[in-house]
Amino acid sequence: MPVAISSLGFPRIGSKRELKFALENFWSGKAPASVLLEVGRGLRKANWARQHALGITHIPSNDFSFYDHVLDTSVMVGAIPAVYGWQGRGGSARALLRHGPRQRNQGAARARDDQVV
């Protein structure tokens, strides 16, 4: 009888810290959101393929976060402080990532100019 192998999650940063560098470039304005989103897509695809190639039979889904899984959940339930200008409805990756630690002082002013997707 074959043994099922499960994974509870996979490191999302990338083997060469690709996500870290993509986030820093996005936050500093050196790269647009499209570059960050493409890095995220590539990492998710590579992580899934690696786990599959290693014989993992139960690969988790929805375990990726661009920055902070607690922030993702806070956005999902609408628990973002008013100072950030969050409107309580959907949003782009840029809007979500503006709530990161480097953006606290600029959050309210910059969050207003985002379009809802």
PDB file of N, CA and C in Angstrom:
ATOM      1  N   MET A   1       0.837  -1.182   0.000  1.00  0.00           N
ATOM      2  CA  MET A   1       0.000   0.000   0.000  1.00  0.00           C
ATOM      3  C   MET A   1       0.887   1.252   0.000  1.00  0.00           C
ATOM      4  N   PRO A   2       0.675   2.162  -0.961  1.00  0.00           N
ATOM      5  CA  PRO A   2       1.502   3.376  -1.005  1.00  0.00           C
ATOM      6  C   PRO A   2       1.199   4.326   0.159  1.00  0.00           C
ATOM      7  N   VAL A   3       2.205   5.039   0.560  1.00  0.00           N
ATOM      8  CA  VAL A   3       2.067   6.000   1.652  1.00  0.00           C
ATOM      9  C   VAL A   3       1.819   7.386   1.058  1.00  0.00           C
ATOM     10  N   ALA A   4       0.781   8.057   1.535  1.00  0.00           N
ATOM     11  CA  ALA A   4       0.498   9.428   1.102  1.00  0.00           C
ATOM     12  C   ALA A   4       1.435  10.382   1.849  1.00  0.00           C
ATOM     13  N   ILE A   5       1.956  11.322   1.126  1.00  0.00           N
ATOM     14  CA  ILE A   5       2.860  12.308   1.720  1.00  0.00           C
ATOM     15  C   ILE A   5       2.211  13.681   1.616  1.00  0.00           C
ATOM     16  N   SER A   6       2.146  14.385   2.717  1.00  0.00           N
ATOM     17  CA  SER A   6       1.534  15.709   2.745  1.00  0.00           C
ATOM     18  C   SER A   6       2.557  16.768   3.120  1.00  0.00           C
ATOM     19  N   SER A   7       2.282  17.975   2.678  1.00  0.00           N
ATOM     20  CA  SER A   7       3.107  19.132   3.034  1.00  0.00           C
ATOM     21  C   SER A   7       2.191  20.162   3.682  1.00  0.00           C
ATOM     22  N   LEU A   8       2.628  20.736   4.765  1.00  0.00           N
ATOM     23  CA  LEU A   8       1.812  21.744   5.445  1.00  0.00           C
ATOM     24  C   LEU A   8       2.071  23.153   4.929  1.00  0.00           C
ATOM     25  N   GLY A   9       3.018  23.309   4.069  1.00  0.00           N
ATOM     26  CA  GLY A   9       3.361  24.615   3.524  1.00  0.00           C
ATOM     27  C   GLY A   9       4.757  24.556   2.949  1.00  0.00           C
ATOM     28  N   PHE A  10       5.130  25.596   2.262  1.00  0.00           N
ATOM     29  CA  PHE A  10       6.421  25.625   1.598  1.00  0.00           C
ATOM     30  C   PHE A  10       6.972  27.037   1.719  1.00  0.00           C
ATOM     31  N   PRO A  11       8.272  27.186   1.947  1.00  0.00           N
ATOM     32  CA  PRO A  11       8.827  28.538   2.054  1.00  0.00           C
ATOM     33  C   PRO A  11       8.513  29.349   0.802  1.00  0.00           C
ATOM     34  N   ARG A  12       7.992  30.538   0.974  1.00  0.00           N
ATOM     35  CA  ARG A  12       7.529  31.314  -0.171  1.00  0.00           C
ATOM     36  C   ARG A  12       8.545  32.321  -0.690  1.00  0.00           C
ATOM     37  N   ILE A  13       9.633  32.527  -0.005  1.00  0.00           N
ATOM     38  CA  ILE A  13      10.550  33.609  -0.356  1.00  0.00           C
ATOM     39  C   ILE A  13      11.379  33.307  -1.610  1.00  0.00           C
ATOM     40  N   GLY A  14      11.551  32.018  -1.945  1.00  0.00           N
ATOM     41  CA  GLY A  14      12.360  31.642  -3.104  1.00  0.00           C
ATOM     42  C   GLY A  14      13.755  31.238  -2.688  1.00  0.00           C
ATOM     43  N   SER A  15      14.363  30.368  -3.452  1.00  0.00           N
ATOM     44  CA  SER A  15      15.687  29.848  -3.090  1.00  0.00           C
ATOM     45  C   SER A  15      16.769  30.925  -3.128  1.00  0.00           C
ATOM     46  N   LYS A  16      16.542  31.979  -3.888  1.00  0.00           N
ATOM     47  CA  LYS A  16      17.497  33.092  -3.958  1.00  0.00           C
ATOM     48  C   LYS A  16      16.878  34.390  -3.442  1.00  0.00           C
ATOM     49  N   ARG A  17      15.899  34.252  -2.558  1.00  0.00           N
ATOM     50  CA  ARG A  17      15.188  35.381  -1.930  1.00  0.00           C
ATOM     51  C   ARG A  17      14.544  36.307  -2.965  1.00  0.00           C
ATOM     52  N   GLU A  18      14.018  35.702  -4.021  1.00  0.00           N
ATOM     53  CA  GLU A  18      13.408  36.476  -5.094  1.00  0.00           C
ATOM     54  C   GLU A  18      12.251  37.344  -4.610  1.00  0.00           C
ATOM     55  N   LEU A  19      11.411  36.803  -3.727  1.00  0.00           N
ATOM     56  CA  LEU A  19      10.265  37.572  -3.239  1.00  0.00           C
ATOM     57  C   LEU A  19      10.718  38.776  -2.427  1.00  0.00           C
ATOM     58  N   LYS A  20      11.727  38.597  -1.593  1.00  0.00           N
ATOM     59  CA  LYS A  20      12.258  39.700  -0.788  1.00  0.00           C
ATOM     60  C   LYS A  20      12.712  40.848  -1.681  1.00  0.00           C
ATOM     61  N   PHE A  21      13.475  40.525  -2.714  1.00  0.00           N
ATOM     62  CA  PHE A  21      13.994  41.568  -3.593  1.00  0.00           C
ATOM     63  C   PHE A  21      12.884  42.210  -4.423  1.00  0.00           C
ATOM     64  N   ALA A  22      11.915  41.415  -4.853  1.00  0.00           N
ATOM     65  CA  ALA A  22      10.795  41.966  -5.618  1.00  0.00           C
ATOM     66  C   ALA A  22       9.970  42.921  -4.755  1.00  0.00           C
ATOM     67  N   LEU A  23       9.749  42.555  -3.495  1.00  0.00           N
ATOM     68  CA  LEU A  23       9.013  43.440  -2.575  1.00  0.00           C
ATOM     69  C   LEU A  23       9.774  44.735  -2.332  1.00  0.00           C
ATOM     70  N   GLU A  24      11.062  44.638  -2.089  1.00  0.00           N
ATOM     71  CA  GLU A  24      11.858  45.841  -1.840  1.00  0.00           C
ATOM     72  C   GLU A  24      11.865  46.755  -3.058  1.00  0.00           C
ATOM     73  N   ASN A  25      11.974  46.181  -4.245  1.00  0.00           N
ATOM     74  CA  ASN A  25      11.941  46.990  -5.467  1.00  0.00           C
ATOM     75  C   ASN A  25      10.583  47.645  -5.669  1.00  0.00           C
ATOM     76  N   PHE A  26       9.524  46.927  -5.356  1.00  0.00           N
ATOM     77  CA  PHE A  26       8.174  47.481  -5.464  1.00  0.00           C
ATOM     78  C   PHE A  26       7.983  48.620  -4.471  1.00  0.00           C
ATOM     79  N   TRP A  27       8.342  48.371  -3.209  1.00  0.00           N
ATOM     80  CA  TRP A  27       8.164  49.394  -2.179  1.00  0.00           C
ATOM     81  C   TRP A  27       8.972  50.650  -2.470  1.00  0.00           C
ATOM     82  N   SER A  28      10.160  50.494  -3.047  1.00  0.00           N
ATOM     83  CA  SER A  28      10.999  51.663  -3.319  1.00  0.00           C
ATOM     84  C   SER A  28      10.639  52.361  -4.626  1.00  0.00           C
ATOM     85  N   GLY A  29       9.713  51.783  -5.377  1.00  0.00           N
ATOM     86  CA  GLY A  29       9.300  52.384  -6.638  1.00  0.00           C
ATOM     87  C   GLY A  29      10.190  52.012  -7.816  1.00  0.00           C
ATOM     88  N   LYS A  30      11.119  51.095  -7.619  1.00  0.00           N
ATOM     89  CA  LYS A  30      12.013  50.679  -8.702  1.00  0.00           C
ATOM     90  C   LYS A  30      11.356  49.692  -9.662  1.00  0.00           C
ATOM     91  N   ALA A  31      10.253  49.071  -9.236  1.00  0.00           N
ATOM     92  CA  ALA A  31       9.562  48.094 -10.086  1.00  0.00           C
ATOM     93  C   ALA A  31       8.058  48.262  -9.906  1.00  0.00           C
ATOM     94  N   PRO A  32       7.290  48.079 -10.976  1.00  0.00           N
ATOM     95  CA  PRO A  32       5.842  48.182 -10.879  1.00  0.00           C
ATOM     96  C   PRO A  32       5.228  46.929 -10.247  1.00  0.00           C
ATOM     97  N   ALA A  33       3.963  47.025  -9.902  1.00  0.00           N
ATOM     98  CA  ALA A  33       3.255  45.893  -9.304  1.00  0.00           C
ATOM     99  C   ALA A  33       3.272  44.682 -10.225  1.00  0.00           C
ATOM    100  N   SER A  34       3.266  44.896 -11.530  1.00  0.00           N
ATOM    101  CA  SER A  34       3.247  43.770 -12.474  1.00  0.00           C
ATOM    102  C   SER A  34       4.473  42.874 -12.296  1.00  0.00           C
ATOM    103  N   VAL A  35       5.617  43.450 -11.985  1.00  0.00           N
ATOM    104  CA  VAL A  35       6.835  42.657 -11.766  1.00  0.00           C
ATOM    105  C   VAL A  35       6.687  41.833 -10.492  1.00  0.00           C
ATOM    106  N   LEU A  36       6.188  42.450  -9.438  1.00  0.00           N
ATOM    107  CA  LEU A  36       5.977  41.732  -8.185  1.00  0.00           C
ATOM    108  C   LEU A  36       5.001  40.580  -8.382  1.00  0.00           C
ATOM    109  N   LEU A  37       3.911  40.828  -9.093  1.00  0.00           N
ATOM    110  CA  LEU A  37       2.917  39.779  -9.339  1.00  0.00           C
ATOM    111  C   LEU A  37       3.520  38.640 -10.147  1.00  0.00           C
ATOM    112  N   GLU A  38       4.357  38.946 -11.121  1.00  0.00           N
ATOM    113  CA  GLU A  38       4.994  37.901 -11.932  1.00  0.00           C
ATOM    114  C   GLU A  38       5.959  37.066 -11.102  1.00  0.00           C
ATOM    115  N   VAL A  39       6.709  37.705 -10.216  1.00  0.00           N
ATOM    116  CA  VAL A  39       7.599  36.957  -9.320  1.00  0.00           C
ATOM    117  C   VAL A  39       6.769  36.015  -8.451  1.00  0.00           C
ATOM    118  N   GLY A  40       5.653  36.494  -7.928  1.00  0.00           N
ATOM    119  CA  GLY A  40       4.774  35.657  -7.116  1.00  0.00           C
ATOM    120  C   GLY A  40       4.250  34.461  -7.890  1.00  0.00           C
ATOM    121  N   ARG A  41       3.794  34.701  -9.118  1.00  0.00           N
ATOM    122  CA  ARG A  41       3.306  33.594  -9.960  1.00  0.00           C
ATOM    123  C   ARG A  41       4.406  32.564 -10.195  1.00  0.00           C
ATOM    124  N   GLY A  42       5.592  33.045 -10.509  1.00  0.00           N
ATOM    125  CA  GLY A  42       6.711  32.139 -10.765  1.00  0.00           C
ATOM    126  C   GLY A  42       7.087  31.306  -9.551  1.00  0.00           C
ATOM    127  N   LEU A  43       7.098  31.941  -8.390  1.00  0.00           N
ATOM    128  CA  LEU A  43       7.433  31.211  -7.167  1.00  0.00           C
ATOM    129  C   LEU A  43       6.381  30.159  -6.836  1.00  0.00           C
ATOM    130  N   ARG A  44       5.107  30.515  -6.966  1.00  0.00           N
ATOM    131  CA  ARG A  44       4.038  29.544  -6.675  1.00  0.00           C
ATOM    132  C   ARG A  44       4.136  28.352  -7.617  1.00  0.00           C
ATOM    133  N   LYS A  45       4.378  28.624  -8.883  1.00  0.00           N
ATOM    134  CA  LYS A  45       4.490  27.545  -9.875  1.00  0.00           C
ATOM    135  C   LYS A  45       5.705  26.664  -9.575  1.00  0.00           C
ATOM    136  N   ALA A  46       6.840  27.279  -9.307  1.00  0.00           N
ATOM    137  CA  ALA A  46       8.059  26.516  -9.016  1.00  0.00           C
ATOM    138  C   ALA A  46       7.915  25.698  -7.728  1.00  0.00           C
ATOM    139  N   ASN A  47       7.302  26.283  -6.707  1.00  0.00           N
ATOM    140  CA  ASN A  47       7.121  25.567  -5.444  1.00  0.00           C
ATOM    141  C   ASN A  47       6.215  24.344  -5.625  1.00  0.00           C
ATOM    142  N   TRP A  48       5.126  24.524  -6.369  1.00  0.00           N
ATOM    143  CA  TRP A  48       4.220  23.410  -6.611  1.00  0.00           C
ATOM    144  C   TRP A  48       4.936  22.321  -7.404  1.00  0.00           C
ATOM    145  N   ALA A  49       5.653  22.708  -8.465  1.00  0.00           N
ATOM    146  CA  ALA A  49       6.342  21.736  -9.306  1.00  0.00           C
ATOM    147  C   ALA A  49       7.399  20.965  -8.514  1.00  0.00           C
ATOM    148  N   ARG A  50       8.113  21.660  -7.656  1.00  0.00           N
ATOM    149  CA  ARG A  50       9.155  20.984  -6.856  1.00  0.00           C
ATOM    150  C   ARG A  50       8.543  19.963  -5.911  1.00  0.00           C
ATOM    151  N   GLN A  51       7.474  20.347  -5.225  1.00  0.00           N
ATOM    152  CA  GLN A  51       6.819  19.415  -4.313  1.00  0.00           C
ATOM    153  C   GLN A  51       6.265  18.208  -5.078  1.00  0.00           C
ATOM    154  N   HIS A  52       5.669  18.467  -6.228  1.00  0.00           N
ATOM    155  CA  HIS A  52       5.127  17.382  -7.041  1.00  0.00           C
ATOM    156  C   HIS A  52       6.244  16.439  -7.496  1.00  0.00           C
ATOM    157  N   ALA A  53       7.352  17.006  -7.942  1.00  0.00           N
ATOM    158  CA  ALA A  53       8.485  16.204  -8.405  1.00  0.00           C
ATOM    159  C   ALA A  53       9.083  15.358  -7.283  1.00  0.00           C
ATOM    160  N   LEU A  54       8.989  15.846  -6.060  1.00  0.00           N
ATOM    161  CA  LEU A  54       9.516  15.104  -4.913  1.00  0.00           C
ATOM    162  C   LEU A  54       8.555  14.024  -4.418  1.00  0.00           C
ATOM    163  N   GLY A  55       7.397  13.915  -5.059  1.00  0.00           N
ATOM    164  CA  GLY A  55       6.454  12.856  -4.707  1.00  0.00           C
ATOM    165  C   GLY A  55       5.441  13.211  -3.645  1.00  0.00           C
ATOM    166  N   ILE A  56       5.312  14.480  -3.324  1.00  0.00           N
ATOM    167  CA  ILE A  56       4.310  14.875  -2.336  1.00  0.00           C
ATOM    168  C   ILE A  56       2.936  14.718  -2.970  1.00  0.00           C
ATOM    169  N   THR A  57       2.066  13.981  -2.312  1.00  0.00           N
ATOM    170  CA  THR A  57       0.754  13.679  -2.894  1.00  0.00           C
ATOM    171  C   THR A  57      -0.330  14.656  -2.477  1.00  0.00           C
ATOM    172  N   HIS A  58      -0.170  15.312  -1.354  1.00  0.00           N
ATOM    173  CA  HIS A  58      -1.141  16.304  -0.882  1.00  0.00           C
ATOM    174  C   HIS A  58      -0.425  17.651  -0.753  1.00  0.00           C
ATOM    175  N   ILE A  59      -0.482  18.429  -1.828  1.00  0.00           N
ATOM    176  CA  ILE A  59       0.199  19.723  -1.865  1.00  0.00           C
ATOM    177  C   ILE A  59      -0.790  20.799  -1.437  1.00  0.00           C
ATOM    178  N   PRO A  60      -0.429  21.647  -0.464  1.00  0.00           N
ATOM    179  CA  PRO A  60      -1.373  22.670  -0.002  1.00  0.00           C
ATOM    180  C   PRO A  60      -1.617  23.743  -1.067  1.00  0.00           C
ATOM    181  N   SER A  61      -2.752  24.358  -0.967  1.00  0.00           N
ATOM    182  CA  SER A  61      -3.047  25.488  -1.847  1.00  0.00           C
ATOM    183  C   SER A  61      -3.321  26.711  -0.979  1.00  0.00           C
ATOM    184  N   ASN A  62      -3.210  27.872  -1.585  1.00  0.00           N
ATOM    185  CA  ASN A  62      -3.471  29.129  -0.887  1.00  0.00           C
ATOM    186  C   ASN A  62      -2.564  29.328   0.328  1.00  0.00           C
ATOM    187  N   ASP A  63      -1.311  28.890   0.224  1.00  0.00           N
ATOM    188  CA  ASP A  63      -0.374  29.077   1.333  1.00  0.00           C
ATOM    189  C   ASP A  63       0.647  30.175   1.033  1.00  0.00           C
ATOM    190  N   PHE A  64       0.416  30.932  -0.035  1.00  0.00           N
ATOM    191  CA  PHE A  64       1.346  31.969  -0.449  1.00  0.00           C
ATOM    192  C   PHE A  64       0.862  33.334   0.016  1.00  0.00           C
ATOM    193  N   SER A  65       1.790  34.161   0.411  1.00  0.00           N
ATOM    194  CA  SER A  65       1.477  35.540   0.752  1.00  0.00           C
ATOM    195  C   SER A  65       2.634  36.397   0.244  1.00  0.00           C
ATOM    196  N   PHE A  66       2.318  37.546  -0.311  1.00  0.00           N
ATOM    197  CA  PHE A  66       3.384  38.425  -0.781  1.00  0.00           C
ATOM    198  C   PHE A  66       4.161  39.026   0.377  1.00  0.00           C
ATOM    199  N   TYR A  67       3.472  39.253   1.488  1.00  0.00           N
ATOM    200  CA  TYR A  67       4.172  39.884   2.594  1.00  0.00           C
ATOM    201  C   TYR A  67       3.869  39.217   3.931  1.00  0.00           C
ATOM    202  N   ASP A  68       2.622  39.192   4.329  1.00  0.00           N
ATOM    203  CA  ASP A  68       2.276  38.794   5.687  1.00  0.00           C
ATOM    204  C   ASP A  68       0.915  38.111   5.676  1.00  0.00           C
ATOM    205  N   HIS A  69       0.873  36.851   6.056  1.00  0.00           N
ATOM    206  CA  HIS A  69      -0.396  36.129   6.042  1.00  0.00           C
ATOM    207  C   HIS A  69      -1.388  36.684   7.066  1.00  0.00           C
ATOM    208  N   VAL A  70      -0.907  37.280   8.134  1.00  0.00           N
ATOM    209  CA  VAL A  70      -1.805  37.901   9.114  1.00  0.00           C
ATOM    210  C   VAL A  70      -2.438  39.154   8.507  1.00  0.00           C
ATOM    211  N   LEU A  71      -1.648  39.930   7.766  1.00  0.00           N
ATOM    212  CA  LEU A  71      -2.191  41.084   7.058  1.00  0.00           C
ATOM    213  C   LEU A  71      -3.229  40.645   6.029  1.00  0.00           C
ATOM    214  N   ASP A  72      -2.948  39.576   5.296  1.00  0.00           N
ATOM    215  CA  ASP A  72      -3.910  39.052   4.330  1.00  0.00           C
ATOM    216  C   ASP A  72      -5.250  38.746   5.005  1.00  0.00           C
ATOM    217  N   THR A  73      -5.189  38.099   6.160  1.00  0.00           N
ATOM    218  CA  THR A  73      -6.411  37.756   6.888  1.00  0.00           C
ATOM    219  C   THR A  73      -7.101  39.016   7.407  1.00  0.00           C
ATOM    220  N   SER A  74      -6.328  39.990   7.878  1.00  0.00           N
ATOM    221  CA  SER A  74      -6.915  41.250   8.354  1.00  0.00           C
ATOM    222  C   SER A  74      -7.686  41.952   7.245  1.00  0.00           C
ATOM    223  N   VAL A  75      -7.118  41.951   6.045  1.00  0.00           N
ATOM    224  CA  VAL A  75      -7.796  42.551   4.897  1.00  0.00           C
ATOM    225  C   VAL A  75      -9.059  41.762   4.573  1.00  0.00           C
ATOM    226  N   MET A  76      -8.939  40.455   4.618  1.00  0.00           N
ATOM    227  CA  MET A  76     -10.074  39.598   4.285  1.00  0.00           C
ATOM    228  C   MET A  76     -11.275  39.866   5.193  1.00  0.00           C
ATOM    229  N   VAL A  77     -11.019  40.134   6.471  1.00  0.00           N
ATOM    230  CA  VAL A  77     -12.121  40.368   7.410  1.00  0.00           C
ATOM    231  C   VAL A  77     -12.366  41.852   7.675  1.00  0.00           C
ATOM    232  N   GLY A  78     -11.630  42.728   6.992  1.00  0.00           N
ATOM    233  CA  GLY A  78     -11.851  44.166   7.120  1.00  0.00           C
ATOM    234  C   GLY A  78     -11.320  44.778   8.397  1.00  0.00           C
ATOM    235  N   ALA A  79     -10.265  44.221   8.962  1.00  0.00           N
ATOM    236  CA  ALA A  79      -9.718  44.707  10.226  1.00  0.00           C
ATOM    237  C   ALA A  79      -8.486  45.594  10.008  1.00  0.00           C
ATOM    238  N   ILE A  80      -8.581  46.563   9.091  1.00  0.00           N
ATOM    239  CA  ILE A  80      -7.482  47.488   8.827  1.00  0.00           C
ATOM    240  C   ILE A  80      -7.830  48.829   9.481  1.00  0.00           C
ATOM    241  N   PRO A  81      -6.936  49.410  10.286  1.00  0.00           N
ATOM    242  CA  PRO A  81      -7.222  50.691  10.941  1.00  0.00           C
ATOM    243  C   PRO A  81      -7.554  51.795   9.929  1.00  0.00           C
ATOM    244  N   ALA A  82      -8.448  52.678  10.300  1.00  0.00           N
ATOM    245  CA  ALA A  82      -8.924  53.741   9.417  1.00  0.00           C
ATOM    246  C   ALA A  82      -7.803  54.655   8.918  1.00  0.00           C
ATOM    247  N   VAL A  83      -6.729  54.795   9.669  1.00  0.00           N
ATOM    248  CA  VAL A  83      -5.639  55.686   9.284  1.00  0.00           C
ATOM    249  C   VAL A  83      -5.061  55.319   7.917  1.00  0.00           C
ATOM    250  N   TYR A  84      -5.220  54.075   7.501  1.00  0.00           N
ATOM    251  CA  TYR A  84      -4.683  53.639   6.214  1.00  0.00           C
ATOM    252  C   TYR A  84      -5.602  53.942   5.042  1.00  0.00           C
ATOM    253  N   GLY A  85      -6.799  54.400   5.309  1.00  0.00           N
ATOM    254  CA  GLY A  85      -7.708  54.746   4.229  1.00  0.00           C
ATOM    255  C   GLY A  85      -8.321  53.551   3.528  1.00  0.00           C
ATOM    256  N   TRP A  86      -8.275  52.399   4.153  1.00  0.00           N
ATOM    257  CA  TRP A  86      -8.846  51.193   3.553  1.00  0.00           C
ATOM    258  C   TRP A  86     -10.360  51.347   3.460  1.00  0.00           C
ATOM    259  N   GLN A  87     -10.913  51.031   2.302  1.00  0.00           N
ATOM    260  CA  GLN A  87     -12.340  51.210   2.071  1.00  0.00           C
ATOM    261  C   GLN A  87     -13.159  49.951   2.341  1.00  0.00           C
ATOM    262  N   GLY A  88     -12.510  48.874   2.744  1.00  0.00           N
ATOM    263  CA  GLY A  88     -13.233  47.667   3.102  1.00  0.00           C
ATOM    264  C   GLY A  88     -13.751  46.865   1.929  1.00  0.00           C
ATOM    265  N   ARG A  89     -13.189  47.067   0.775  1.00  0.00           N
ATOM    266  CA  ARG A  89     -13.602  46.296  -0.396  1.00  0.00           C
ATOM    267  C   ARG A  89     -12.351  45.923  -1.185  1.00  0.00           C
ATOM    268  N   GLY A  90     -12.335  44.782  -1.803  1.00  0.00           N
ATOM    269  CA  GLY A  90     -11.265  44.319  -2.670  1.00  0.00           C
ATOM    270  C   GLY A  90     -10.060  45.224  -2.753  1.00  0.00           C
ATOM    271  N   GLY A  91      -9.257  45.056  -3.709  1.00  0.00           N
ATOM    272  CA  GLY A  91      -8.122  45.941  -3.892  1.00  0.00           C
ATOM    273  C   GLY A  91      -7.014  45.264  -4.649  1.00  0.00           C
ATOM    274  N   SER A  92      -6.115  46.051  -5.083  1.00  0.00           N
ATOM    275  CA  SER A  92      -4.988  45.525  -5.851  1.00  0.00           C
ATOM    276  C   SER A  92      -3.876  45.082  -4.912  1.00  0.00           C
ATOM    277  N   ALA A  93      -2.906  44.399  -5.475  1.00  0.00           N
ATOM    278  CA  ALA A  93      -1.733  44.002  -4.689  1.00  0.00           C
ATOM    279  C   ALA A  93      -1.047  45.232  -4.125  1.00  0.00           C
ATOM    280  N   ARG A  94      -1.019  46.309  -4.897  1.00  0.00           N
ATOM    281  CA  ARG A  94      -0.384  47.538  -4.443  1.00  0.00           C
ATOM    282  C   ARG A  94      -1.086  48.075  -3.193  1.00  0.00           C
ATOM    283  N   ALA A  95      -2.416  48.063  -3.194  1.00  0.00           N
ATOM    284  CA  ALA A  95      -3.152  48.559  -2.025  1.00  0.00           C
ATOM    285  C   ALA A  95      -2.848  47.718  -0.801  1.00  0.00           C
ATOM    286  N   LEU A  96      -2.852  46.419  -0.954  1.00  0.00           N
ATOM    287  CA  LEU A  96      -2.577  45.532   0.168  1.00  0.00           C
ATOM    288  C   LEU A  96      -1.162  45.730   0.684  1.00  0.00           C
ATOM    289  N   LEU A  97      -0.196  45.794  -0.211  1.00  0.00           N
ATOM    290  CA  LEU A  97       1.198  45.893   0.209  1.00  0.00           C
ATOM    291  C   LEU A  97       1.553  47.253   0.779  1.00  0.00           C
ATOM    292  N   ARG A  98       0.740  48.239   0.535  1.00  0.00           N
ATOM    293  CA  ARG A  98       0.999  49.553   1.132  1.00  0.00           C
ATOM    294  C   ARG A  98       0.828  49.532   2.642  1.00  0.00           C
ATOM    295  N   HIS A  99       0.196  48.508   3.157  1.00  0.00           N
ATOM    296  CA  HIS A  99      -0.006  48.422   4.596  1.00  0.00           C
ATOM    297  C   HIS A  99       1.167  47.753   5.303  1.00  0.00           C
ATOM    298  N   GLY A 100       2.238  47.482   4.570  1.00  0.00           N
ATOM    299  CA  GLY A 100       3.440  46.880   5.143  1.00  0.00           C
ATOM    300  C   GLY A 100       4.168  47.865   6.041  1.00  0.00           C
ATOM    301  N   PRO A 101       5.191  47.410   6.732  1.00  0.00           N
ATOM    302  CA  PRO A 101       5.856  48.232   7.742  1.00  0.00           C
ATOM    303  C   PRO A 101       6.513  49.491   7.198  1.00  0.00           C
ATOM    304  N   ARG A 102       6.983  49.461   5.974  1.00  0.00           N
ATOM    305  CA  ARG A 102       7.665  50.628   5.419  1.00  0.00           C
ATOM    306  C   ARG A 102       6.686  51.703   4.965  1.00  0.00           C
ATOM    307  N   GLN A 103       5.428  51.374   4.938  1.00  0.00           N
ATOM    308  CA  GLN A 103       4.446  52.279   4.369  1.00  0.00           C
ATOM    309  C   GLN A 103       3.547  52.942   5.410  1.00  0.00           C
ATOM    310  N   ARG A 104       3.762  52.695   6.679  1.00  0.00           N
ATOM    311  CA  ARG A 104       2.844  53.191   7.711  1.00  0.00           C
ATOM    312  C   ARG A 104       2.647  54.703   7.665  1.00  0.00           C
ATOM    313  N   ASN A 105       3.704  55.455   7.457  1.00  0.00           N
ATOM    314  CA  ASN A 105       3.584  56.913   7.460  1.00  0.00           C
ATOM    315  C   ASN A 105       2.881  57.445   6.226  1.00  0.00           C
ATOM    316  N   GLN A 106       2.891  56.696   5.143  1.00  0.00           N
ATOM    317  CA  GLN A 106       2.308  57.157   3.896  1.00  0.00           C
ATOM    318  C   GLN A 106       1.000  56.445   3.577  1.00  0.00           C
ATOM    319  N   GLY A 107       0.575  55.516   4.425  1.00  0.00           N
ATOM    320  CA  GLY A 107      -0.564  54.651   4.138  1.00  0.00           C
ATOM    321  C   GLY A 107      -1.833  55.352   3.740  1.00  0.00           C
ATOM    322  N   ALA A 108      -2.294  56.297   4.540  1.00  0.00           N
ATOM    323  CA  ALA A 108      -3.581  56.930   4.265  1.00  0.00           C
ATOM    324  C   ALA A 108      -3.563  57.703   2.953  1.00  0.00           C
ATOM    325  N   ALA A 109      -2.520  58.471   2.711  1.00  0.00           N
ATOM    326  CA  ALA A 109      -2.461  59.279   1.491  1.00  0.00           C
ATOM    327  C   ALA A 109      -2.307  58.410   0.257  1.00  0.00           C
ATOM    328  N   ARG A 110      -1.517  57.364   0.322  1.00  0.00           N
ATOM    329  CA  ARG A 110      -1.257  56.554  -0.866  1.00  0.00           C
ATOM    330  C   ARG A 110      -2.370  55.539  -1.133  1.00  0.00           C
ATOM    331  N   ALA A 111      -3.065  55.077  -0.117  1.00  0.00           N
ATOM    332  CA  ALA A 111      -4.096  54.068  -0.323  1.00  0.00           C
ATOM    333  C   ALA A 111      -5.277  54.619  -1.106  1.00  0.00           C
ATOM    334  N   ARG A 112      -5.524  55.907  -1.030  1.00  0.00           N
ATOM    335  CA  ARG A 112      -6.682  56.499  -1.712  1.00  0.00           C
ATOM    336  C   ARG A 112      -6.561  56.455  -3.225  1.00  0.00           C
ATOM    337  N   ASP A 113      -5.352  56.410  -3.757  1.00  0.00           N
ATOM    338  CA  ASP A 113      -5.208  56.490  -5.207  1.00  0.00           C
ATOM    339  C   ASP A 113      -5.227  55.136  -5.885  1.00  0.00           C
ATOM    340  N   ASP A 114      -5.485  54.069  -5.137  1.00  0.00           N
ATOM    341  CA  ASP A 114      -5.543  52.733  -5.722  1.00  0.00           C
ATOM    342  C   ASP A 114      -6.909  52.446  -6.325  1.00  0.00           C
ATOM    343  N   GLN A 115      -6.910  51.689  -7.382  1.00  0.00           N
ATOM    344  CA  GLN A 115      -8.155  51.260  -7.998  1.00  0.00           C
ATOM    345  C   GLN A 115      -8.524  49.900  -7.472  1.00  0.00           C
ATOM    346  N   VAL A 116      -9.780  49.666  -7.317  1.00  0.00           N
ATOM    347  CA  VAL A 116     -10.264  48.366  -6.890  1.00  0.00           C
ATOM    348  C   VAL A 116     -10.277  47.444  -8.089  1.00  0.00           C
ATOM    349  N   VAL A 117      -9.816  46.230  -7.894  1.00  0.00           N
ATOM    350  CA  VAL A 117      -9.827  45.243  -8.976  1.00  0.00           C
ATOM    351  C   VAL A 117     -10.800  44.144  -8.666  1.00  0.00           C
TER     352      VAL A 117
END
